[in-house]
Amino acid sequence: MDRALTDAERAVVEWMLGGDFEGVEDYRGQVAGIRVRGGCRCGCPSVDFVVPGTGLGSPLPREGWIRGEAVEITLFAKGGRLTGLEQTDYVGSRPTLPDPADLVDSPQT
């Protein structure tokens, strides 16, 4: 697989990069050129980006949580390059990425 980000993927990545942390401007500059190389086999909307020679890497400082749901969104980078977007559903009921309007910076009970 080698494809561009979907509109939903792009919107979530842009939300994740809406915070203020070291290197965020460089990461924002990468969004337009991101290519997806594969996704998770479990059926969730997590995707890996085409970045030669890298693995998933480390999570960026900003976490996203879906308001009212036990779902965490994480954007990963390695060597200054964005490497993947992961959605962790702790209940197993959300097969699609959220609307960024539903994302918050911390889990809510």
PDB file of N, CA and C in Angstrom:
ATOM      1  N   MET A   1       0.844  -1.171   0.000  1.00  0.00           N
ATOM      2  CA  MET A   1       0.000   0.000   0.000  1.00  0.00           C
ATOM      3  C   MET A   1       0.895   1.242   0.000  1.00  0.00           C
ATOM      4  N   ASP A   2       0.550   2.202  -0.768  1.00  0.00           N
ATOM      5  CA  ASP A   2       1.202   3.506  -0.777  1.00  0.00           C
ATOM      6  C   ASP A   2       0.145   4.485  -1.246  1.00  0.00           C
ATOM      7  N   ARG A   3      -0.325   5.312  -0.321  1.00  0.00           N
ATOM      8  CA  ARG A   3      -1.396   6.245  -0.644  1.00  0.00           C
ATOM      9  C   ARG A   3      -1.250   7.520   0.180  1.00  0.00           C
ATOM     10  N   ALA A   4      -1.962   8.549  -0.221  1.00  0.00           N
ATOM     11  CA  ALA A   4      -1.997   9.797   0.542  1.00  0.00           C
ATOM     12  C   ALA A   4      -2.869   9.605   1.777  1.00  0.00           C
ATOM     13  N   LEU A   5      -2.738  10.515   2.730  1.00  0.00           N
ATOM     14  CA  LEU A   5      -3.629  10.507   3.883  1.00  0.00           C
ATOM     15  C   LEU A   5      -5.061  10.743   3.429  1.00  0.00           C
ATOM     16  N   THR A   6      -6.017  10.105   4.101  1.00  0.00           N
ATOM     17  CA  THR A   6      -7.418  10.438   3.857  1.00  0.00           C
ATOM     18  C   THR A   6      -7.699  11.785   4.509  1.00  0.00           C
ATOM     19  N   ASP A   7      -8.838  12.375   4.191  1.00  0.00           N
ATOM     20  CA  ASP A   7      -9.207  13.643   4.821  1.00  0.00           C
ATOM     21  C   ASP A   7      -9.295  13.486   6.342  1.00  0.00           C
ATOM     22  N   ALA A   8      -9.849  12.377   6.811  1.00  0.00           N
ATOM     23  CA  ALA A   8      -9.987  12.131   8.252  1.00  0.00           C
ATOM     24  C   ALA A   8      -8.617  11.989   8.911  1.00  0.00           C
ATOM     25  N   GLU A   9      -7.709  11.256   8.282  1.00  0.00           N
ATOM     26  CA  GLU A   9      -6.351  11.090   8.823  1.00  0.00           C
ATOM     27  C   GLU A   9      -5.629  12.440   8.889  1.00  0.00           C
ATOM     28  N   ARG A  10      -5.735  13.205   7.816  1.00  0.00           N
ATOM     29  CA  ARG A  10      -5.076  14.512   7.764  1.00  0.00           C
ATOM     30  C   ARG A  10      -5.619  15.427   8.862  1.00  0.00           C
ATOM     31  N   ALA A  11      -6.928  15.436   9.041  1.00  0.00           N
ATOM     32  CA  ALA A  11      -7.541  16.300  10.053  1.00  0.00           C
ATOM     33  C   ALA A  11      -7.057  15.938  11.457  1.00  0.00           C
ATOM     34  N   VAL A  12      -6.953  14.651  11.753  1.00  0.00           N
ATOM     35  CA  VAL A  12      -6.488  14.228  13.078  1.00  0.00           C
ATOM     36  C   VAL A  12      -5.009  14.554  13.256  1.00  0.00           C
ATOM     37  N   VAL A  13      -4.185  14.300  12.246  1.00  0.00           N
ATOM     38  CA  VAL A  13      -2.754  14.635  12.323  1.00  0.00           C
ATOM     39  C   VAL A  13      -2.593  16.141  12.559  1.00  0.00           C
ATOM     40  N   GLU A  14      -3.333  16.951  11.839  1.00  0.00           N
ATOM     41  CA  GLU A  14      -3.235  18.395  12.014  1.00  0.00           C
ATOM     42  C   GLU A  14      -3.669  18.814  13.414  1.00  0.00           C
ATOM     43  N   TRP A  15      -4.708  18.182  13.970  1.00  0.00           N
ATOM     44  CA  TRP A  15      -5.116  18.484  15.338  1.00  0.00           C
ATOM     45  C   TRP A  15      -3.994  18.129  16.310  1.00  0.00           C
ATOM     46  N   MET A  16      -3.389  16.955  16.107  1.00  0.00           N
ATOM     47  CA  MET A  16      -2.314  16.512  16.995  1.00  0.00           C
ATOM     48  C   MET A  16      -1.128  17.481  16.945  1.00  0.00           C
ATOM     49  N   LEU A  17      -0.926  18.119  15.819  1.00  0.00           N
ATOM     50  CA  LEU A  17       0.177  19.068  15.662  1.00  0.00           C
ATOM     51  C   LEU A  17      -0.243  20.497  15.994  1.00  0.00           C
ATOM     52  N   GLY A  18      -1.430  20.652  16.568  1.00  0.00           N
ATOM     53  CA  GLY A  18      -1.925  21.969  16.948  1.00  0.00           C
ATOM     54  C   GLY A  18      -1.363  22.452  18.267  1.00  0.00           C
ATOM     55  N   GLY A  19      -0.664  21.582  18.973  1.00  0.00           N
ATOM     56  CA  GLY A  19      -0.057  21.959  20.242  1.00  0.00           C
ATOM     57  C   GLY A  19       1.248  22.712  20.031  1.00  0.00           C
ATOM     58  N   ASP A  20       1.856  23.091  21.134  1.00  0.00           N
ATOM     59  CA  ASP A  20       3.116  23.809  21.084  1.00  0.00           C
ATOM     60  C   ASP A  20       4.172  22.970  21.788  1.00  0.00           C
ATOM     61  N   PHE A  21       5.053  22.355  21.015  1.00  0.00           N
ATOM     62  CA  PHE A  21       6.133  21.555  21.577  1.00  0.00           C
ATOM     63  C   PHE A  21       7.321  21.602  20.626  1.00  0.00           C
ATOM     64  N   GLU A  22       8.476  21.221  21.127  1.00  0.00           N
ATOM     65  CA  GLU A  22       9.702  21.304  20.339  1.00  0.00           C
ATOM     66  C   GLU A  22       9.592  20.511  19.036  1.00  0.00           C
ATOM     67  N   GLY A  23       9.911  21.158  17.939  1.00  0.00           N
ATOM     68  CA  GLY A  23       9.905  20.499  16.635  1.00  0.00           C
ATOM     69  C   GLY A  23       8.576  20.509  15.917  1.00  0.00           C
ATOM     70  N   VAL A  24       7.533  21.049  16.535  1.00  0.00           N
ATOM     71  CA  VAL A  24       6.199  20.961  15.936  1.00  0.00           C
ATOM     72  C   VAL A  24       6.131  21.638  14.568  1.00  0.00           C
ATOM     73  N   GLU A  25       6.843  22.734  14.378  1.00  0.00           N
ATOM     74  CA  GLU A  25       6.814  23.419  13.077  1.00  0.00           C
ATOM     75  C   GLU A  25       7.378  22.520  11.977  1.00  0.00           C
ATOM     76  N   ASP A  26       8.446  21.799  12.276  1.00  0.00           N
ATOM     77  CA  ASP A  26       9.013  20.870  11.293  1.00  0.00           C
ATOM     78  C   ASP A  26       8.022  19.755  10.968  1.00  0.00           C
ATOM     79  N   TYR A  27       7.350  19.242  11.984  1.00  0.00           N
ATOM     80  CA  TYR A  27       6.363  18.183  11.755  1.00  0.00           C
ATOM     81  C   TYR A  27       5.190  18.705  10.918  1.00  0.00           C
ATOM     82  N   ARG A  28       4.749  19.914  11.207  1.00  0.00           N
ATOM     83  CA  ARG A  28       3.648  20.507  10.419  1.00  0.00           C
ATOM     84  C   ARG A  28       4.026  20.596   8.942  1.00  0.00           C
ATOM     85  N   GLY A  29       5.281  20.890   8.670  1.00  0.00           N
ATOM     86  CA  GLY A  29       5.746  20.987   7.287  1.00  0.00           C
ATOM     87  C   GLY A  29       5.749  19.655   6.547  1.00  0.00           C
ATOM     88  N   GLN A  30       5.671  18.561   7.266  1.00  0.00           N
ATOM     89  CA  GLN A  30       5.685  17.232   6.650  1.00  0.00           C
ATOM     90  C   GLN A  30       4.297  16.736   6.235  1.00  0.00           C
ATOM     91  N   VAL A  31       3.251  17.325   6.789  1.00  0.00           N
ATOM     92  CA  VAL A  31       1.900  16.792   6.613  1.00  0.00           C
ATOM     93  C   VAL A  31       1.496  16.661   5.152  1.00  0.00           C
ATOM     94  N   ALA A  32       1.752  17.669   4.351  1.00  0.00           N
ATOM     95  CA  ALA A  32       1.327  17.636   2.942  1.00  0.00           C
ATOM     96  C   ALA A  32       1.933  16.465   2.173  1.00  0.00           C
ATOM     97  N   GLY A  33       3.121  16.026   2.563  1.00  0.00           N
ATOM     98  CA  GLY A  33       3.795  14.960   1.826  1.00  0.00           C
ATOM     99  C   GLY A  33       3.683  13.573   2.437  1.00  0.00           C
ATOM    100  N   ILE A  34       2.932  13.437   3.518  1.00  0.00           N
ATOM    101  CA  ILE A  34       2.828  12.123   4.167  1.00  0.00           C
ATOM    102  C   ILE A  34       2.168  11.116   3.241  1.00  0.00           C
ATOM    103  N   ARG A  35       2.777   9.930   3.178  1.00  0.00           N
ATOM    104  CA  ARG A  35       2.212   8.792   2.452  1.00  0.00           C
ATOM    105  C   ARG A  35       1.987   7.664   3.456  1.00  0.00           C
ATOM    106  N   VAL A  36       0.922   6.941   3.281  1.00  0.00           N
ATOM    107  CA  VAL A  36       0.594   5.812   4.161  1.00  0.00           C
ATOM    108  C   VAL A  36       1.102   4.541   3.525  1.00  0.00           C
ATOM    109  N   ARG A  37       1.819   3.726   4.312  1.00  0.00           N
ATOM    110  CA  ARG A  37       2.344   2.469   3.773  1.00  0.00           C
ATOM    111  C   ARG A  37       1.562   1.257   4.243  1.00  0.00           C
ATOM    112  N   GLY A  38       0.784   1.392   5.299  1.00  0.00           N
ATOM    113  CA  GLY A  38       0.017   0.252   5.790  1.00  0.00           C
ATOM    114  C   GLY A  38      -0.795   0.624   6.999  1.00  0.00           C
ATOM    115  N   GLY A  39      -1.640  -0.317   7.374  1.00  0.00           N
ATOM    116  CA  GLY A  39      -2.492  -0.100   8.530  1.00  0.00           C
ATOM    117  C   GLY A  39      -2.466  -1.291   9.457  1.00  0.00           C
ATOM    118  N   CYS A  40      -3.190  -1.172  10.529  1.00  0.00           N
ATOM    119  CA  CYS A  40      -3.255  -2.231  11.532  1.00  0.00           C
ATOM    120  C   CYS A  40      -4.134  -3.376  11.031  1.00  0.00           C
ATOM    121  N   ARG A  41      -3.719  -4.583  11.313  1.00  0.00           N
ATOM    122  CA  ARG A  41      -4.477  -5.761  10.858  1.00  0.00           C
ATOM    123  C   ARG A  41      -5.754  -6.009  11.658  1.00  0.00           C
ATOM    124  N   CYS A  42      -5.889  -5.353  12.815  1.00  0.00           N
ATOM    125  CA  CYS A  42      -7.063  -5.607  13.655  1.00  0.00           C
ATOM    126  C   CYS A  42      -8.308  -4.910  13.130  1.00  0.00           C
ATOM    127  N   GLY A  43      -8.149  -3.997  12.179  1.00  0.00           N
ATOM    128  CA  GLY A  43      -9.294  -3.297  11.626  1.00  0.00           C
ATOM    129  C   GLY A  43      -9.470  -1.893  12.180  1.00  0.00           C
ATOM    130  N   CYS A  44      -8.620  -1.484  13.128  1.00  0.00           N
ATOM    131  CA  CYS A  44      -8.700  -0.118  13.642  1.00  0.00           C
ATOM    132  C   CYS A  44      -8.108   0.831  12.594  1.00  0.00           C
ATOM    133  N   PRO A  45      -8.312   2.137  12.757  1.00  0.00           N
ATOM    134  CA  PRO A  45      -7.807   3.079  11.749  1.00  0.00           C
ATOM    135  C   PRO A  45      -6.355   3.514  11.919  1.00  0.00           C
ATOM    136  N   SER A  46      -5.563   2.806  12.714  1.00  0.00           N
ATOM    137  CA  SER A  46      -4.142   3.149  12.873  1.00  0.00           C
ATOM    138  C   SER A  46      -3.404   2.942  11.558  1.00  0.00           C
ATOM    139  N   VAL A  47      -2.443   3.841  11.248  1.00  0.00           N
ATOM    140  CA  VAL A  47      -1.688   3.738  10.002  1.00  0.00           C
ATOM    141  C   VAL A  47      -0.207   4.028  10.232  1.00  0.00           C
ATOM    142  N   ASP A  48       0.632   3.410   9.412  1.00  0.00           N
ATOM    143  CA  ASP A  48       2.065   3.680   9.398  1.00  0.00           C
ATOM    144  C   ASP A  48       2.363   4.518   8.166  1.00  0.00           C
ATOM    145  N   PHE A  49       3.279   5.467   8.326  1.00  0.00           N
ATOM    146  CA  PHE A  49       3.647   6.335   7.219  1.00  0.00           C
ATOM    147  C   PHE A  49       4.871   5.793   6.500  1.00  0.00           C
ATOM    148  N   VAL A  50       5.023   6.172   5.236  1.00  0.00           N
ATOM    149  CA  VAL A  50       6.172   5.762   4.442  1.00  0.00           C
ATOM    150  C   VAL A  50       7.351   6.632   4.842  1.00  0.00           C
ATOM    151  N   VAL A  51       8.232   6.060   5.650  1.00  0.00           N
ATOM    152  CA  VAL A  51       9.454   6.742   6.048  1.00  0.00           C
ATOM    153  C   VAL A  51      10.551   5.687   5.993  1.00  0.00           C
ATOM    154  N   PRO A  52      11.327   5.654   4.922  1.00  0.00           N
ATOM    155  CA  PRO A  52      12.345   4.620   4.773  1.00  0.00           C
ATOM    156  C   PRO A  52      13.291   4.530   5.971  1.00  0.00           C
ATOM    157  N   GLY A  53      13.560   3.313   6.402  1.00  0.00           N
ATOM    158  CA  GLY A  53      14.535   3.067   7.446  1.00  0.00           C
ATOM    159  C   GLY A  53      14.095   3.371   8.858  1.00  0.00           C
ATOM    160  N   THR A  54      12.810   3.612   9.077  1.00  0.00           N
ATOM    161  CA  THR A  54      12.353   3.899  10.428  1.00  0.00           C
ATOM    162  C   THR A  54      11.285   2.903  10.860  1.00  0.00           C
ATOM    163  N   GLY A  55      11.191   2.728  12.149  1.00  0.00           N
ATOM    164  CA  GLY A  55      10.091   1.973  12.733  1.00  0.00           C
ATOM    165  C   GLY A  55       9.073   2.983  13.223  1.00  0.00           C
ATOM    166  N   LEU A  56       8.207   2.546  14.113  1.00  0.00           N
ATOM    167  CA  LEU A  56       7.149   3.429  14.594  1.00  0.00           C
ATOM    168  C   LEU A  56       7.710   4.643  15.323  1.00  0.00           C
ATOM    169  N   GLY A  57       8.760   4.487  16.099  1.00  0.00           N
ATOM    170  CA  GLY A  57       9.350   5.629  16.796  1.00  0.00           C
ATOM    171  C   GLY A  57       8.723   5.881  18.142  1.00  0.00           C
ATOM    172  N   SER A  58       8.759   7.128  18.567  1.00  0.00           N
ATOM    173  CA  SER A  58       8.276   7.528  19.885  1.00  0.00           C
ATOM    174  C   SER A  58       7.057   8.425  19.755  1.00  0.00           C
ATOM    175  N   PRO A  59       6.174   8.393  20.756  1.00  0.00           N
ATOM    176  CA  PRO A  59       5.003   9.265  20.704  1.00  0.00           C
ATOM    177  C   PRO A  59       5.395  10.728  20.860  1.00  0.00           C
ATOM    178  N   LEU A  60       4.693  11.592  20.156  1.00  0.00           N
ATOM    179  CA  LEU A  60       4.898  13.024  20.321  1.00  0.00           C
ATOM    180  C   LEU A  60       4.256  13.462  21.646  1.00  0.00           C
ATOM    181  N   PRO A  61       4.621  14.646  22.143  1.00  0.00           N
ATOM    182  CA  PRO A  61       4.153  15.058  23.459  1.00  0.00           C
ATOM    183  C   PRO A  61       2.647  15.263  23.611  1.00  0.00           C
ATOM    184  N   ARG A  62       1.938  15.532  22.546  1.00  0.00           N
ATOM    185  CA  ARG A  62       0.501  15.791  22.673  1.00  0.00           C
ATOM    186  C   ARG A  62      -0.294  14.513  22.438  1.00  0.00           C
ATOM    187  N   GLU A  63      -1.133  14.164  23.402  1.00  0.00           N
ATOM    188  CA  GLU A  63      -2.051  13.036  23.251  1.00  0.00           C
ATOM    189  C   GLU A  63      -3.416  13.585  22.876  1.00  0.00           C
ATOM    190  N   GLY A  64      -4.192  12.786  22.186  1.00  0.00           N
ATOM    191  CA  GLY A  64      -5.568  13.145  21.900  1.00  0.00           C
ATOM    192  C   GLY A  64      -6.490  12.083  22.478  1.00  0.00           C
ATOM    193  N   TRP A  65      -7.566  12.525  23.041  1.00  0.00           N
ATOM    194  CA  TRP A  65      -8.578  11.613  23.585  1.00  0.00           C
ATOM    195  C   TRP A  65      -9.922  11.994  22.997  1.00  0.00           C
ATOM    196  N   ILE A  66     -10.747  11.013  22.712  1.00  0.00           N
ATOM    197  CA  ILE A  66     -12.061  11.308  22.166  1.00  0.00           C
ATOM    198  C   ILE A  66     -13.007  11.591  23.326  1.00  0.00           C
ATOM    199  N   ARG A  67     -13.621  12.748  23.269  1.00  0.00           N
ATOM    200  CA  ARG A  67     -14.528  13.185  24.321  1.00  0.00           C
ATOM    201  C   ARG A  67     -15.584  12.111  24.609  1.00  0.00           C
ATOM    202  N   GLY A  68     -15.633  11.685  25.861  1.00  0.00           N
ATOM    203  CA  GLY A  68     -16.662  10.744  26.288  1.00  0.00           C
ATOM    204  C   GLY A  68     -16.408   9.296  25.920  1.00  0.00           C
ATOM    205  N   GLU A  69     -15.241   8.983  25.347  1.00  0.00           N
ATOM    206  CA  GLU A  69     -14.935   7.605  24.965  1.00  0.00           C
ATOM    207  C   GLU A  69     -13.567   7.206  25.507  1.00  0.00           C
ATOM    208  N   ALA A  70     -13.356   5.929  25.685  1.00  0.00           N
ATOM    209  CA  ALA A  70     -12.064   5.415  26.154  1.00  0.00           C
ATOM    210  C   ALA A  70     -11.180   5.121  24.950  1.00  0.00           C
ATOM    211  N   VAL A  71     -10.858   6.169  24.188  1.00  0.00           N
ATOM    212  CA  VAL A  71     -10.067   6.046  22.967  1.00  0.00           C
ATOM    213  C   VAL A  71      -8.960   7.097  22.988  1.00  0.00           C
ATOM    214  N   GLU A  72      -7.732   6.635  22.772  1.00  0.00           N
ATOM    215  CA  GLU A  72      -6.574   7.517  22.770  1.00  0.00           C
ATOM    216  C   GLU A  72      -5.980   7.588  21.366  1.00  0.00           C
ATOM    217  N   ILE A  73      -5.571   8.778  20.967  1.00  0.00           N
ATOM    218  CA  ILE A  73      -4.931   8.992  19.674  1.00  0.00           C
ATOM    219  C   ILE A  73      -3.474   9.391  19.936  1.00  0.00           C
ATOM    220  N   THR A  74      -2.530   8.747  19.228  1.00  0.00           N
ATOM    221  CA  THR A  74      -1.115   9.034  19.397  1.00  0.00           C
ATOM    222  C   THR A  74      -0.480   9.206  18.020  1.00  0.00           C
ATOM    223  N   LEU A  75       0.343  10.237  17.886  1.00  0.00           N
ATOM    224  CA  LEU A  75       1.106  10.478  16.666  1.00  0.00           C
ATOM    225  C   LEU A  75       2.564  10.178  16.995  1.00  0.00           C
ATOM    226  N   PHE A  76       3.224   9.387  16.157  1.00  0.00           N
ATOM    227  CA  PHE A  76       4.588   8.949  16.418  1.00  0.00           C
ATOM    228  C   PHE A  76       5.580   9.598  15.465  1.00  0.00           C
ATOM    229  N   ALA A  77       6.828   9.731  15.934  1.00  0.00           N
ATOM    230  CA  ALA A  77       7.910  10.264  15.107  1.00  0.00           C
ATOM    231  C   ALA A  77       9.216   9.588  15.490  1.00  0.00           C
ATOM    232  N   LYS A  78      10.127   9.565  14.537  1.00  0.00           N
ATOM    233  CA  LYS A  78      11.469   9.027  14.778  1.00  0.00           C
ATOM    234  C   LYS A  78      12.430   9.797  13.887  1.00  0.00           C
ATOM    235  N   GLY A  79      13.549  10.207  14.450  1.00  0.00           N
ATOM    236  CA  GLY A  79      14.550  10.922  13.669  1.00  0.00           C
ATOM    237  C   GLY A  79      14.017  12.188  13.029  1.00  0.00           C
ATOM    238  N   GLY A  80      13.078  12.858  13.690  1.00  0.00           N
ATOM    239  CA  GLY A  80      12.520  14.093  13.155  1.00  0.00           C
ATOM    240  C   GLY A  80      11.472  13.912  12.081  1.00  0.00           C
ATOM    241  N   ARG A  81      11.046  12.666  11.839  1.00  0.00           N
ATOM    242  CA  ARG A  81      10.043  12.386  10.794  1.00  0.00           C
ATOM    243  C   ARG A  81       8.806  11.751  11.406  1.00  0.00           C
ATOM    244  N   LEU A  82       7.642  12.167  10.969  1.00  0.00           N
ATOM    245  CA  LEU A  82       6.403  11.541  11.413  1.00  0.00           C
ATOM    246  C   LEU A  82       6.349  10.121  10.870  1.00  0.00           C
ATOM    247  N   THR A  83       6.029   9.148  11.732  1.00  0.00           N
ATOM    248  CA  THR A  83       6.075   7.749  11.312  1.00  0.00           C
ATOM    249  C   THR A  83       4.749   7.002  11.417  1.00  0.00           C
ATOM    250  N   GLY A  84       3.779   7.544  12.148  1.00  0.00           N
ATOM    251  CA  GLY A  84       2.526   6.822  12.233  1.00  0.00           C
ATOM    252  C   GLY A  84       1.501   7.502  13.114  1.00  0.00           C
ATOM    253  N   LEU A  85       0.263   7.082  12.942  1.00  0.00           N
ATOM    254  CA  LEU A  85      -0.878   7.566  13.708  1.00  0.00           C
ATOM    255  C   LEU A  85      -1.583   6.346  14.268  1.00  0.00           C
ATOM    256  N   GLU A  86      -1.763   6.330  15.583  1.00  0.00           N
ATOM    257  CA  GLU A  86      -2.363   5.155  16.222  1.00  0.00           C
ATOM    258  C   GLU A  86      -3.600   5.549  17.020  1.00  0.00           C
ATOM    259  N   GLN A  87      -4.639   4.752  16.870  1.00  0.00           N
ATOM    260  CA  GLN A  87      -5.831   4.917  17.683  1.00  0.00           C
ATOM    261  C   GLN A  87      -5.943   3.690  18.573  1.00  0.00           C
ATOM    262  N   THR A  88      -5.918   3.916  19.885  1.00  0.00           N
ATOM    263  CA  THR A  88      -6.045   2.824  20.840  1.00  0.00           C
ATOM    264  C   THR A  88      -7.420   2.908  21.472  1.00  0.00           C
ATOM    265  N   ASP A  89      -8.228   1.919  21.195  1.00  0.00           N
ATOM    266  CA  ASP A  89      -9.594   1.869  21.708  1.00  0.00           C
ATOM    267  C   ASP A  89      -9.619   0.890  22.872  1.00  0.00           C
ATOM    268  N   TYR A  90      -9.784   1.394  24.074  1.00  0.00           N
ATOM    269  CA  TYR A  90      -9.727   0.547  25.266  1.00  0.00           C
ATOM    270  C   TYR A  90     -10.994  -0.260  25.494  1.00  0.00           C
ATOM    271  N   VAL A  91     -12.017  -0.016  24.693  1.00  0.00           N
ATOM    272  CA  VAL A  91     -13.258  -0.781  24.792  1.00  0.00           C
ATOM    273  C   VAL A  91     -13.469  -1.633  23.544  1.00  0.00           C
ATOM    274  N   GLY A  92     -12.887  -1.204  22.428  1.00  0.00           N
ATOM    275  CA  GLY A  92     -12.985  -1.971  21.188  1.00  0.00           C
ATOM    276  C   GLY A  92     -14.215  -1.680  20.372  1.00  0.00           C
ATOM    277  N   SER A  93     -14.746  -0.461  20.480  1.00  0.00           N
ATOM    278  CA  SER A  93     -15.996  -0.167  19.787  1.00  0.00           C
ATOM    279  C   SER A  93     -15.899   0.924  18.724  1.00  0.00           C
ATOM    280  N   ARG A  94     -14.702   1.460  18.448  1.00  0.00           N
ATOM    281  CA  ARG A  94     -14.576   2.563  17.494  1.00  0.00           C
ATOM    282  C   ARG A  94     -13.649   2.187  16.339  1.00  0.00           C
ATOM    283  N   PRO A  95     -14.216   1.847  15.177  1.00  0.00           N
ATOM    284  CA  PRO A  95     -13.392   1.448  14.027  1.00  0.00           C
ATOM    285  C   PRO A  95     -12.951   2.599  13.126  1.00  0.00           C
ATOM    286  N   THR A  96     -13.349   3.833  13.451  1.00  0.00           N
ATOM    287  CA  THR A  96     -12.996   4.966  12.595  1.00  0.00           C
ATOM    288  C   THR A  96     -12.335   6.066  13.411  1.00  0.00           C
ATOM    289  N   LEU A  97     -11.577   6.911  12.728  1.00  0.00           N
ATOM    290  CA  LEU A  97     -10.979   8.062  13.391  1.00  0.00           C
ATOM    291  C   LEU A  97     -12.064   9.066  13.756  1.00  0.00           C
ATOM    292  N   PRO A  98     -11.834   9.831  14.814  1.00  0.00           N
ATOM    293  CA  PRO A  98     -12.831  10.805  15.238  1.00  0.00           C
ATOM    294  C   PRO A  98     -12.797  12.078  14.415  1.00  0.00           C
ATOM    295  N   ASP A  99     -13.845  12.844  14.526  1.00  0.00           N
ATOM    296  CA  ASP A  99     -13.849  14.215  14.040  1.00  0.00           C
ATOM    297  C   ASP A  99     -12.965  14.996  15.015  1.00  0.00           C
ATOM    298  N   PRO A 100     -12.018  15.798  14.531  1.00  0.00           N
ATOM    299  CA  PRO A 100     -11.155  16.545  15.447  1.00  0.00           C
ATOM    300  C   PRO A 100     -11.940  17.403  16.452  1.00  0.00           C
ATOM    301  N   ALA A 101     -13.160  17.798  16.130  1.00  0.00           N
ATOM    302  CA  ALA A 101     -13.974  18.565  17.074  1.00  0.00           C
ATOM    303  C   ALA A 101     -14.295  17.763  18.334  1.00  0.00           C
ATOM    304  N   ASP A 102     -14.163  16.442  18.251  1.00  0.00           N
ATOM    305  CA  ASP A 102     -14.431  15.565  19.394  1.00  0.00           C
ATOM    306  C   ASP A 102     -13.173  15.226  20.189  1.00  0.00           C
ATOM    307  N   LEU A 103     -12.016  15.754  19.780  1.00  0.00           N
ATOM    308  CA  LEU A 103     -10.761  15.447  20.476  1.00  0.00           C
ATOM    309  C   LEU A 103     -10.501  16.435  21.603  1.00  0.00           C
ATOM    310  N   VAL A 104      -9.949  15.927  22.689  1.00  0.00           N
ATOM    311  CA  VAL A 104      -9.546  16.726  23.844  1.00  0.00           C
ATOM    312  C   VAL A 104      -8.137  16.305  24.243  1.00  0.00           C
ATOM    313  N   ASP A 105      -7.497  17.128  25.082  1.00  0.00           N
ATOM    314  CA  ASP A 105      -6.108  16.882  25.468  1.00  0.00           C
ATOM    315  C   ASP A 105      -5.926  15.916  26.630  1.00  0.00           C
ATOM    316  N   SER A 106      -7.001  15.493  27.264  1.00  0.00           N
ATOM    317  CA  SER A 106      -6.851  14.551  28.373  1.00  0.00           C
ATOM    318  C   SER A 106      -8.093  13.677  28.448  1.00  0.00           C
ATOM    319  N   PRO A 107      -7.943  12.466  29.014  1.00  0.00           N
ATOM    320  CA  PRO A 107      -9.104  11.579  29.113  1.00  0.00           C
ATOM    321  C   PRO A 107     -10.139  12.172  30.058  1.00  0.00           C
ATOM    322  N   GLN A 108     -11.383  11.977  29.723  1.00  0.00           N
ATOM    323  CA  GLN A 108     -12.480  12.454  30.569  1.00  0.00           C
ATOM    324  C   GLN A 108     -13.265  11.260  31.079  1.00  0.00           C
ATOM    325  N   THR A 109     -13.742  11.376  32.262  1.00  0.00           N
ATOM    326  CA  THR A 109     -14.548  10.280  32.825  1.00  0.00           C
ATOM    327  C   THR A 109     -16.015  10.562  32.666  1.00  0.00           C
TER     328      THR A 109
END
